[in-house]
Amino acid sequence: MKNNKTIQELLNFSIINMDKPTGPTSFGVDSIVKNMLNAKKISHAGTLDPAVSGVLPLMINRACRLSDYFMHRNKTYVGIMRVHREIDKKELEKEISNFIGKIMQLPPVKSRVKREIREREIFSFKILEIEGKDVLFETEVQAGTYIRKLISDLGEKIGGAHMLELRRTKAGIFSEENIVNLYDFEKAVESWKNGDEKLLRKILIPADEAIKKVLPIVHVEEKLIKQLLTGKPLMKSDIKLGKEEKFAVFSEEKFIGVYRKVNEEEIIARAEFVFN
């Protein structure tokens, strides 16, 4: 539980749901937070372009090892696109419907991934408001989908369109509901350094609590803790597994690590991460 942890324990293994402003890169925000906290390492789950704002989960210190479990999850965005000609809402909605479902997308030239066509899924893509040639939209997409490219590809079907503004409102389990901006974060850190940790505590999300929301949980007996923390794999005699391929292991409230199922005679799971 969060209240049972010291502030140093939280700073060693927690997550911040940061509201990235427009301007800095995601790596720039990492650097700002790292310097403020004097942390050894900060990493983010899902990069945002400098011009894009919104939900940017930041992993602190040992929580960086868990980034992959939070990163590859659906993202939701709200944005404004400008169409290059006046278009009827029904016509636009009809063209948008062709982009819902599985699509093939070529990442833009300025991207951090290999530039090759790949399949991505668009779960929803809806118009919220139209004012002249400016269209407010919301879309939920598979991780790794480029929204700017999505709008550009739509534009090819309707006589042109480009993105004016974009904000990420959800990234996996993280949303705008419990987000913190850099200004409030700085105030919380300043208060902590002056002896009052209350504001910073509210911001820090224990990584062991967050992992429960993205992976199945398996409980083990207390007598196994010491061996598991030194790297012992899970045996058939330790637990009974269901269909879980990857799962988080706890003993009561103590987080042990993340494991993957294997089929090695008596060994049924090996650790991908151990919190020792």
C-alpha atoms as a PDB file:
ATOM      1  CA  MET A   1       0.000   0.000   0.000  1.00  0.00           C
ATOM      2  CA  LYS A   2       1.153   3.529  -0.797  1.00  0.00           C
ATOM      3  CA  ASN A   3       0.758   4.818   2.759  1.00  0.00           C
ATOM      4  CA  ASN A   4       3.037   2.079   4.101  1.00  0.00           C
ATOM      5  CA  LYS A   5       5.953   3.111   1.891  1.00  0.00           C
ATOM      6  CA  THR A   6       8.529   5.758   2.719  1.00  0.00           C
ATOM      7  CA  ILE A   7       8.995   8.566   0.229  1.00  0.00           C
ATOM      8  CA  GLN A   8      12.384   7.082  -0.717  1.00  0.00           C
ATOM      9  CA  GLU A   9      10.767   3.706  -1.439  1.00  0.00           C
ATOM     10  CA  LEU A  10       8.244   5.460  -3.681  1.00  0.00           C
ATOM     11  CA  LEU A  11      10.952   7.425  -5.475  1.00  0.00           C
ATOM     12  CA  ASN A  12      12.809   4.185  -6.160  1.00  0.00           C
ATOM     13  CA  PHE A  13       9.850   2.399  -7.746  1.00  0.00           C
ATOM     14  CA  SER A  14       6.985   4.579  -8.886  1.00  0.00           C
ATOM     15  CA  ILE A  15       5.304   6.250 -11.860  1.00  0.00           C
ATOM     16  CA  ILE A  16       4.245   9.837 -12.554  1.00  0.00           C
ATOM     17  CA  ASN A  17       1.295  10.496 -14.865  1.00  0.00           C
ATOM     18  CA  MET A  18       2.745  13.656 -16.390  1.00  0.00           C
ATOM     19  CA  ASP A  19       0.860  16.185 -18.490  1.00  0.00           C
ATOM     20  CA  LYS A  20       3.449  16.899 -21.161  1.00  0.00           C
ATOM     21  CA  PRO A  21       3.194  20.462 -22.490  1.00  0.00           C
ATOM     22  CA  THR A  22       3.712  21.389 -26.126  1.00  0.00           C
ATOM     23  CA  GLY A  23       7.299  22.397 -26.845  1.00  0.00           C
ATOM     24  CA  PRO A  24       9.727  20.027 -25.143  1.00  0.00           C
ATOM     25  CA  THR A  25      10.424  16.524 -26.387  1.00  0.00           C
ATOM     26  CA  SER A  26       9.365  13.551 -24.274  1.00  0.00           C
ATOM     27  CA  PHE A  27      13.056  12.963 -23.545  1.00  0.00           C
ATOM     28  CA  GLY A  28      13.333  16.606 -22.497  1.00  0.00           C
ATOM     29  CA  VAL A  29      10.554  16.077 -19.943  1.00  0.00           C
ATOM     30  CA  ASP A  30      12.390  12.957 -18.709  1.00  0.00           C
ATOM     31  CA  SER A  31      15.484  15.075 -18.163  1.00  0.00           C
ATOM     32  CA  ILE A  32      13.597  17.827 -16.309  1.00  0.00           C
ATOM     33  CA  VAL A  33      11.991  15.347 -13.898  1.00  0.00           C
ATOM     34  CA  LYS A  34      15.238  13.410 -13.445  1.00  0.00           C
ATOM     35  CA  ASN A  35      17.075  16.572 -12.433  1.00  0.00           C
ATOM     36  CA  MET A  36      14.303  17.718 -10.095  1.00  0.00           C
ATOM     37  CA  LEU A  37      14.239  14.381  -8.258  1.00  0.00           C
ATOM     38  CA  ASN A  38      17.974  13.692  -8.585  1.00  0.00           C
ATOM     39  CA  ALA A  39      16.895  10.297  -9.938  1.00  0.00           C
ATOM     40  CA  LYS A  40      19.279   7.769 -11.462  1.00  0.00           C
ATOM     41  CA  LYS A  41      16.947   7.057 -14.360  1.00  0.00           C
ATOM     42  CA  ILE A  42      13.625   8.220 -15.841  1.00  0.00           C
ATOM     43  CA  SER A  43      11.899   6.677 -18.860  1.00  0.00           C
ATOM     44  CA  HIS A  44       8.522   7.262 -20.499  1.00  0.00           C
ATOM     45  CA  ALA A  45       5.909   4.887 -21.877  1.00  0.00           C
ATOM     46  CA  GLY A  46       4.979   6.064 -25.383  1.00  0.00           C
ATOM     47  CA  THR A  47       6.819   9.009 -26.945  1.00  0.00           C
ATOM     48  CA  LEU A  48       4.934  12.211 -27.799  1.00  0.00           C
ATOM     49  CA  ASP A  49       6.149  14.627 -30.481  1.00  0.00           C
ATOM     50  CA  PRO A  50       7.202  18.088 -29.227  1.00  0.00           C
ATOM     51  CA  ALA A  51       4.015  19.661 -30.653  1.00  0.00           C
ATOM     52  CA  VAL A  52       1.761  17.114 -28.914  1.00  0.00           C
ATOM     53  CA  SER A  53       0.614  17.492 -25.309  1.00  0.00           C
ATOM     54  CA  GLY A  54      -1.040  15.209 -22.795  1.00  0.00           C
ATOM     55  CA  VAL A  55      -0.619  11.932 -20.944  1.00  0.00           C
ATOM     56  CA  LEU A  56       3.042  10.885 -20.647  1.00  0.00           C
ATOM     57  CA  PRO A  57       3.620   8.159 -18.001  1.00  0.00           C
ATOM     58  CA  LEU A  58       7.099   8.504 -16.483  1.00  0.00           C
ATOM     59  CA  MET A  59       8.796   5.540 -14.809  1.00  0.00           C
ATOM     60  CA  ILE A  60      11.182   6.404 -11.980  1.00  0.00           C
ATOM     61  CA  ASN A  61      14.383   4.487 -11.232  1.00  0.00           C
ATOM     62  CA  ARG A  62      13.679   0.722 -10.943  1.00  0.00           C
ATOM     63  CA  ALA A  63      10.183   1.181 -12.381  1.00  0.00           C
ATOM     64  CA  CYS A  64      11.909   1.850 -15.731  1.00  0.00           C
ATOM     65  CA  ARG A  65      12.296  -1.925 -16.025  1.00  0.00           C
ATOM     66  CA  LEU A  66       8.506  -2.208 -16.255  1.00  0.00           C
ATOM     67  CA  SER A  67       8.047   0.278 -19.120  1.00  0.00           C
ATOM     68  CA  ASP A  68       7.245  -2.371 -21.733  1.00  0.00           C
ATOM     69  CA  TYR A  69       4.286  -3.673 -19.749  1.00  0.00           C
ATOM     70  CA  PHE A  70       2.662  -0.227 -19.795  1.00  0.00           C
ATOM     71  CA  MET A  71       3.812   1.006 -23.199  1.00  0.00           C
ATOM     72  CA  HIS A  72       2.219  -1.324 -25.748  1.00  0.00           C
ATOM     73  CA  ARG A  73      -1.399  -0.447 -25.001  1.00  0.00           C
ATOM     74  CA  ASN A  74      -4.145   1.522 -26.693  1.00  0.00           C
ATOM     75  CA  LYS A  75      -3.877   5.299 -26.849  1.00  0.00           C
ATOM     76  CA  THR A  76      -6.662   7.902 -27.108  1.00  0.00           C
ATOM     77  CA  TYR A  77      -6.194  11.332 -28.685  1.00  0.00           C
ATOM     78  CA  VAL A  78      -8.243  14.476 -29.185  1.00  0.00           C
ATOM     79  CA  GLY A  79      -7.135  16.801 -31.949  1.00  0.00           C
ATOM     80  CA  ILE A  80      -7.986  19.404 -34.542  1.00  0.00           C
ATOM     81  CA  MET A  81      -7.478  18.721 -38.228  1.00  0.00           C
ATOM     82  CA  ARG A  82      -7.877  21.280 -40.978  1.00  0.00           C
ATOM     83  CA  VAL A  83      -9.461  20.023 -44.171  1.00  0.00           C
ATOM     84  CA  HIS A  84      -8.362  21.754 -47.357  1.00  0.00           C
ATOM     85  CA  ARG A  85     -11.857  22.181 -48.762  1.00  0.00           C
ATOM     86  CA  GLU A  86     -15.325  22.613 -47.319  1.00  0.00           C
ATOM     87  CA  ILE A  87     -16.797  19.172 -46.724  1.00  0.00           C
ATOM     88  CA  ASP A  88     -20.171  17.962 -45.509  1.00  0.00           C
ATOM     89  CA  LYS A  89     -20.093  16.201 -42.120  1.00  0.00           C
ATOM     90  CA  LYS A  90     -21.796  13.085 -43.498  1.00  0.00           C
ATOM     91  CA  GLU A  91     -19.306  12.830 -46.350  1.00  0.00           C
ATOM     92  CA  LEU A  92     -16.409  13.223 -43.931  1.00  0.00           C
ATOM     93  CA  GLU A  93     -17.839  10.613 -41.557  1.00  0.00           C
ATOM     94  CA  LYS A  94     -18.222   8.197 -44.457  1.00  0.00           C
ATOM     95  CA  GLU A  95     -14.552   8.590 -45.414  1.00  0.00           C
ATOM     96  CA  ILE A  96     -13.480   8.306 -41.761  1.00  0.00           C
ATOM     97  CA  SER A  97     -15.393   5.024 -41.428  1.00  0.00           C
ATOM     98  CA  ASN A  98     -12.988   3.506 -43.976  1.00  0.00           C
ATOM     99  CA  PHE A  99     -10.144   4.068 -41.520  1.00  0.00           C
ATOM    100  CA  ILE A 100     -11.801   2.275 -38.597  1.00  0.00           C
ATOM    101  CA  GLY A 101     -10.495  -1.248 -38.048  1.00  0.00           C
ATOM    102  CA  LYS A 102      -7.183  -2.621 -39.261  1.00  0.00           C
ATOM    103  CA  ILE A 103      -5.260  -0.339 -41.608  1.00  0.00           C
ATOM    104  CA  MET A 104      -1.832  -0.370 -43.243  1.00  0.00           C
ATOM    105  CA  GLN A 105       0.301   2.609 -42.283  1.00  0.00           C
ATOM    106  CA  LEU A 106       3.704   3.821 -43.425  1.00  0.00           C
ATOM    107  CA  PRO A 107       5.417   5.745 -40.577  1.00  0.00           C
ATOM    108  CA  PRO A 108       6.353   9.343 -41.444  1.00  0.00           C
ATOM    109  CA  VAL A 109       9.867  10.191 -42.602  1.00  0.00           C
ATOM    110  CA  LYS A 110      10.711  11.793 -39.248  1.00  0.00           C
ATOM    111  CA  SER A 111       9.948   8.800 -37.026  1.00  0.00           C
ATOM    112  CA  ARG A 112      11.983   6.729 -34.573  1.00  0.00           C
ATOM    113  CA  VAL A 113      11.013   3.387 -36.138  1.00  0.00           C
ATOM    114  CA  LYS A 114      12.012   1.567 -39.302  1.00  0.00           C
ATOM    115  CA  ARG A 115      10.087   3.091 -42.200  1.00  0.00           C
ATOM    116  CA  GLU A 116       8.093   0.178 -43.536  1.00  0.00           C
ATOM    117  CA  ILE A 117       4.377  -0.431 -43.976  1.00  0.00           C
ATOM    118  CA  ARG A 118       2.831  -2.079 -40.945  1.00  0.00           C
ATOM    119  CA  GLU A 119      -0.625  -2.997 -39.734  1.00  0.00           C
ATOM    120  CA  ARG A 120      -2.282  -0.928 -37.038  1.00  0.00           C
ATOM    121  CA  GLU A 121      -5.807  -0.915 -35.655  1.00  0.00           C
ATOM    122  CA  ILE A 122      -8.088   2.114 -35.268  1.00  0.00           C
ATOM    123  CA  PHE A 123     -10.719   1.306 -32.650  1.00  0.00           C
ATOM    124  CA  SER A 124     -12.700   4.534 -32.932  1.00  0.00           C
ATOM    125  CA  PHE A 125     -12.455   7.737 -34.977  1.00  0.00           C
ATOM    126  CA  LYS A 126     -15.229  10.254 -34.514  1.00  0.00           C
ATOM    127  CA  ILE A 127     -15.989  13.899 -35.231  1.00  0.00           C
ATOM    128  CA  LEU A 128     -16.776  15.971 -32.135  1.00  0.00           C
ATOM    129  CA  GLU A 129     -17.301  19.345 -33.793  1.00  0.00           C
ATOM    130  CA  ILE A 130     -16.823  21.145 -37.105  1.00  0.00           C
ATOM    131  CA  GLU A 131     -16.189  24.869 -37.483  1.00  0.00           C
ATOM    132  CA  GLY A 132     -15.477  25.887 -41.057  1.00  0.00           C
ATOM    133  CA  LYS A 133     -12.528  23.809 -42.211  1.00  0.00           C
ATOM    134  CA  ASP A 134     -11.422  22.919 -38.687  1.00  0.00           C
ATOM    135  CA  VAL A 135     -12.573  19.538 -37.370  1.00  0.00           C
ATOM    136  CA  LEU A 136     -12.324  18.501 -33.720  1.00  0.00           C
ATOM    137  CA  PHE A 137     -11.936  14.728 -33.530  1.00  0.00           C
ATOM    138  CA  GLU A 138     -11.277  11.923 -31.067  1.00  0.00           C
ATOM    139  CA  THR A 139      -9.639   8.600 -31.875  1.00  0.00           C
ATOM    140  CA  GLU A 140      -8.590   5.498 -29.981  1.00  0.00           C
ATOM    141  CA  VAL A 141      -5.783   3.594 -31.662  1.00  0.00           C
ATOM    142  CA  GLN A 142      -3.364   0.739 -31.237  1.00  0.00           C
ATOM    143  CA  ALA A 143       0.001   1.703 -29.759  1.00  0.00           C
ATOM    144  CA  GLY A 144       2.447   2.787 -32.451  1.00  0.00           C
ATOM    145  CA  THR A 145      -0.169   4.468 -34.668  1.00  0.00           C
ATOM    146  CA  TYR A 146       0.879   7.855 -36.066  1.00  0.00           C
ATOM    147  CA  ILE A 147      -2.061  10.235 -35.829  1.00  0.00           C
ATOM    148  CA  ARG A 148      -0.498  12.894 -38.042  1.00  0.00           C
ATOM    149  CA  LYS A 149      -0.071  10.251 -40.756  1.00  0.00           C
ATOM    150  CA  LEU A 150      -3.632   9.034 -40.186  1.00  0.00           C
ATOM    151  CA  ILE A 151      -4.939  12.541 -40.851  1.00  0.00           C
ATOM    152  CA  SER A 152      -2.670  12.928 -43.882  1.00  0.00           C
ATOM    153  CA  ASP A 153      -3.888   9.614 -45.325  1.00  0.00           C
ATOM    154  CA  LEU A 154      -7.496  10.664 -44.743  1.00  0.00           C
ATOM    155  CA  GLY A 155      -6.684  13.934 -46.510  1.00  0.00           C
ATOM    156  CA  GLU A 156      -5.677  12.040 -49.630  1.00  0.00           C
ATOM    157  CA  LYS A 157      -9.267  10.790 -49.859  1.00  0.00           C
ATOM    158  CA  ILE A 158     -11.008  14.135 -49.269  1.00  0.00           C
ATOM    159  CA  GLY A 159      -8.870  16.673 -51.095  1.00  0.00           C
ATOM    160  CA  GLY A 160      -6.307  17.314 -48.373  1.00  0.00           C
ATOM    161  CA  ALA A 161      -6.124  17.575 -44.568  1.00  0.00           C
ATOM    162  CA  HIS A 162      -3.464  18.216 -41.977  1.00  0.00           C
ATOM    163  CA  MET A 163      -3.312  18.206 -38.193  1.00  0.00           C
ATOM    164  CA  LEU A 164      -3.302  21.501 -36.310  1.00  0.00           C
ATOM    165  CA  GLU A 165      -3.314  20.340 -32.675  1.00  0.00           C
ATOM    166  CA  LEU A 166      -3.141  17.018 -30.868  1.00  0.00           C
ATOM    167  CA  ARG A 167      -3.452  15.926 -27.253  1.00  0.00           C
ATOM    168  CA  ARG A 168      -3.173  12.439 -25.813  1.00  0.00           C
ATOM    169  CA  THR A 169      -5.930  11.889 -23.262  1.00  0.00           C
ATOM    170  CA  LYS A 170      -5.241   8.259 -22.419  1.00  0.00           C
ATOM    171  CA  ALA A 171      -2.295   5.862 -22.609  1.00  0.00           C
ATOM    172  CA  GLY A 172      -3.193   2.380 -21.416  1.00  0.00           C
ATOM    173  CA  ILE A 173      -4.278   2.627 -17.769  1.00  0.00           C
ATOM    174  CA  PHE A 174      -3.198   6.283 -17.498  1.00  0.00           C
ATOM    175  CA  SER A 175      -5.650   9.084 -18.295  1.00  0.00           C
ATOM    176  CA  GLU A 176      -6.219  12.786 -17.704  1.00  0.00           C
ATOM    177  CA  GLU A 177      -8.146  12.047 -14.515  1.00  0.00           C
ATOM    178  CA  ASN A 178      -5.049  11.931 -12.294  1.00  0.00           C
ATOM    179  CA  ILE A 179      -2.565  13.875 -14.403  1.00  0.00           C
ATOM    180  CA  VAL A 180      -0.031  16.408 -13.073  1.00  0.00           C
ATOM    181  CA  ASN A 181       1.578  19.287 -14.979  1.00  0.00           C
ATOM    182  CA  LEU A 182       5.208  20.311 -14.689  1.00  0.00           C
ATOM    183  CA  TYR A 183       4.370  23.442 -12.683  1.00  0.00           C
ATOM    184  CA  ASP A 184       2.488  21.527  -9.963  1.00  0.00           C
ATOM    185  CA  PHE A 185       5.137  18.816  -9.982  1.00  0.00           C
ATOM    186  CA  GLU A 186       7.844  21.415  -9.411  1.00  0.00           C
ATOM    187  CA  LYS A 187       5.867  22.850  -6.464  1.00  0.00           C
ATOM    188  CA  ALA A 188       5.492  19.365  -4.967  1.00  0.00           C
ATOM    189  CA  VAL A 189       9.227  18.666  -5.280  1.00  0.00           C
ATOM    190  CA  GLU A 190      10.073  22.036  -3.732  1.00  0.00           C
ATOM    191  CA  SER A 191       7.758  21.299  -0.783  1.00  0.00           C
ATOM    192  CA  TRP A 192       9.351  17.862  -0.343  1.00  0.00           C
ATOM    193  CA  LYS A 193      12.841  19.349  -0.316  1.00  0.00           C
ATOM    194  CA  ASN A 194      11.606  21.785   2.356  1.00  0.00           C
ATOM    195  CA  GLY A 195      10.381  18.927   4.531  1.00  0.00           C
ATOM    196  CA  ASP A 196       6.772  18.431   3.413  1.00  0.00           C
ATOM    197  CA  GLU A 197       6.318  15.292   1.297  1.00  0.00           C
ATOM    198  CA  LYS A 198       2.492  15.340   1.187  1.00  0.00           C
ATOM    199  CA  LEU A 199       2.100  16.821  -2.317  1.00  0.00           C
ATOM    200  CA  LEU A 200       4.755  14.587  -3.848  1.00  0.00           C
ATOM    201  CA  ARG A 201       3.191  11.498  -2.270  1.00  0.00           C
ATOM    202  CA  LYS A 202      -0.092  12.283  -4.017  1.00  0.00           C
ATOM    203  CA  ILE A 203       1.678  12.409  -7.386  1.00  0.00           C
ATOM    204  CA  LEU A 204       3.753   9.227  -7.103  1.00  0.00           C
ATOM    205  CA  ILE A 205       1.946   6.056  -8.241  1.00  0.00           C
ATOM    206  CA  PRO A 206       3.519   2.902  -6.740  1.00  0.00           C
ATOM    207  CA  ALA A 207       4.675   0.729  -9.648  1.00  0.00           C
ATOM    208  CA  ASP A 208       3.634  -2.449  -7.838  1.00  0.00           C
ATOM    209  CA  GLU A 209       0.066  -1.118  -7.594  1.00  0.00           C
ATOM    210  CA  ALA A 210       0.034  -0.061 -11.260  1.00  0.00           C
ATOM    211  CA  ILE A 211       1.298  -3.447 -12.509  1.00  0.00           C
ATOM    212  CA  LYS A 212      -1.817  -5.097 -11.029  1.00  0.00           C
ATOM    213  CA  LYS A 213      -3.893  -3.218 -13.601  1.00  0.00           C
ATOM    214  CA  VAL A 214      -2.017  -4.514 -16.647  1.00  0.00           C
ATOM    215  CA  LEU A 215      -1.041  -8.090 -15.765  1.00  0.00           C
ATOM    216  CA  PRO A 216      -2.800 -11.059 -14.142  1.00  0.00           C
ATOM    217  CA  ILE A 217      -1.800 -11.580 -10.498  1.00  0.00           C
ATOM    218  CA  VAL A 218      -0.546 -14.846  -9.026  1.00  0.00           C
ATOM    219  CA  HIS A 219      -0.024 -15.240  -5.275  1.00  0.00           C
ATOM    220  CA  VAL A 220       2.663 -17.401  -3.703  1.00  0.00           C
ATOM    221  CA  GLU A 221       3.276 -18.503  -0.140  1.00  0.00           C
ATOM    222  CA  GLU A 222       5.500 -16.386   2.101  1.00  0.00           C
ATOM    223  CA  LYS A 223       8.033 -19.222   2.489  1.00  0.00           C
ATOM    224  CA  LEU A 224       8.966 -18.844  -1.215  1.00  0.00           C
ATOM    225  CA  ILE A 225       9.843 -15.145  -1.062  1.00  0.00           C
ATOM    226  CA  LYS A 226      13.528 -15.445  -0.176  1.00  0.00           C
ATOM    227  CA  GLN A 227      14.278 -17.977  -2.920  1.00  0.00           C
ATOM    228  CA  LEU A 228      12.268 -16.137  -5.574  1.00  0.00           C
ATOM    229  CA  LEU A 229      14.046 -12.874  -4.825  1.00  0.00           C
ATOM    230  CA  THR A 230      17.372 -14.562  -5.566  1.00  0.00           C
ATOM    231  CA  GLY A 231      16.184 -15.738  -8.993  1.00  0.00           C
ATOM    232  CA  LYS A 232      14.573 -19.114  -8.352  1.00  0.00           C
ATOM    233  CA  PRO A 233      12.082 -20.042 -11.120  1.00  0.00           C
ATOM    234  CA  LEU A 234       8.552 -21.083 -10.274  1.00  0.00           C
ATOM    235  CA  MET A 235       8.000 -24.820 -10.058  1.00  0.00           C
ATOM    236  CA  LYS A 236       4.897 -26.952 -10.465  1.00  0.00           C
ATOM    237  CA  SER A 237       5.006 -27.569  -6.725  1.00  0.00           C
ATOM    238  CA  ASP A 238       4.933 -23.805  -6.008  1.00  0.00           C
ATOM    239  CA  ILE A 239       1.738 -22.715  -7.777  1.00  0.00           C
ATOM    240  CA  LYS A 240      -0.974 -23.716 -10.193  1.00  0.00           C
ATOM    241  CA  LEU A 241      -1.128 -21.624 -13.346  1.00  0.00           C
ATOM    242  CA  GLY A 242      -4.057 -20.969 -15.630  1.00  0.00           C
ATOM    243  CA  LYS A 243      -3.749 -19.529 -19.124  1.00  0.00           C
ATOM    244  CA  GLU A 244      -1.586 -16.586 -18.083  1.00  0.00           C
ATOM    245  CA  GLU A 245       1.475 -16.209 -20.335  1.00  0.00           C
ATOM    246  CA  LYS A 246       2.889 -13.294 -18.325  1.00  0.00           C
ATOM    247  CA  PHE A 247       1.863 -12.382 -14.795  1.00  0.00           C
ATOM    248  CA  ALA A 248       2.838 -10.453 -11.678  1.00  0.00           C
ATOM    249  CA  VAL A 249       3.733 -12.468  -8.594  1.00  0.00           C
ATOM    250  CA  PHE A 250       2.823 -11.260  -5.111  1.00  0.00           C
ATOM    251  CA  SER A 251       2.979 -12.730  -1.633  1.00  0.00           C
ATOM    252  CA  GLU A 252       0.151 -10.991   0.212  1.00  0.00           C
ATOM    253  CA  GLU A 253       0.911  -7.307  -0.598  1.00  0.00           C
ATOM    254  CA  LYS A 254       4.618  -7.836  -1.340  1.00  0.00           C
ATOM    255  CA  PHE A 255       5.522  -7.594  -5.022  1.00  0.00           C
ATOM    256  CA  ILE A 256       7.999 -10.273  -6.102  1.00  0.00           C
ATOM    257  CA  GLY A 257       8.310  -9.732  -9.852  1.00  0.00           C
ATOM    258  CA  VAL A 258       7.018 -10.362 -13.367  1.00  0.00           C
ATOM    259  CA  TYR A 259       7.160 -13.909 -14.752  1.00  0.00           C
ATOM    260  CA  ARG A 260       6.558 -15.631 -18.075  1.00  0.00           C
ATOM    261  CA  LYS A 261       5.224 -19.137 -18.473  1.00  0.00           C
ATOM    262  CA  VAL A 262       7.640 -21.800 -19.739  1.00  0.00           C
ATOM    263  CA  ASN A 263       7.400 -25.520 -20.336  1.00  0.00           C
ATOM    264  CA  GLU A 264      10.585 -27.003 -18.880  1.00  0.00           C
ATOM    265  CA  GLU A 265       9.517 -30.167 -17.060  1.00  0.00           C
ATOM    266  CA  GLU A 266       9.123 -29.096 -13.402  1.00  0.00           C
ATOM    267  CA  ILE A 267       9.808 -25.416 -14.128  1.00  0.00           C
ATOM    268  CA  ILE A 268       6.622 -23.606 -15.176  1.00  0.00           C
ATOM    269  CA  ALA A 269       7.692 -19.934 -15.101  1.00  0.00           C
ATOM    270  CA  ARG A 270      10.833 -17.828 -15.169  1.00  0.00           C
ATOM    271  CA  ALA A 271      11.340 -14.267 -14.000  1.00  0.00           C
ATOM    272  CA  GLU A 272      11.550 -11.354 -16.452  1.00  0.00           C
ATOM    273  CA  PHE A 273      11.939  -8.899 -13.569  1.00  0.00           C
ATOM    274  CA  VAL A 274      12.534  -9.476  -9.859  1.00  0.00           C
ATOM    275  CA  PHE A 275      12.047  -6.670  -7.369  1.00  0.00           C
ATOM    276  CA  ASN A 276      14.852  -7.460  -4.950  1.00  0.00           C
END
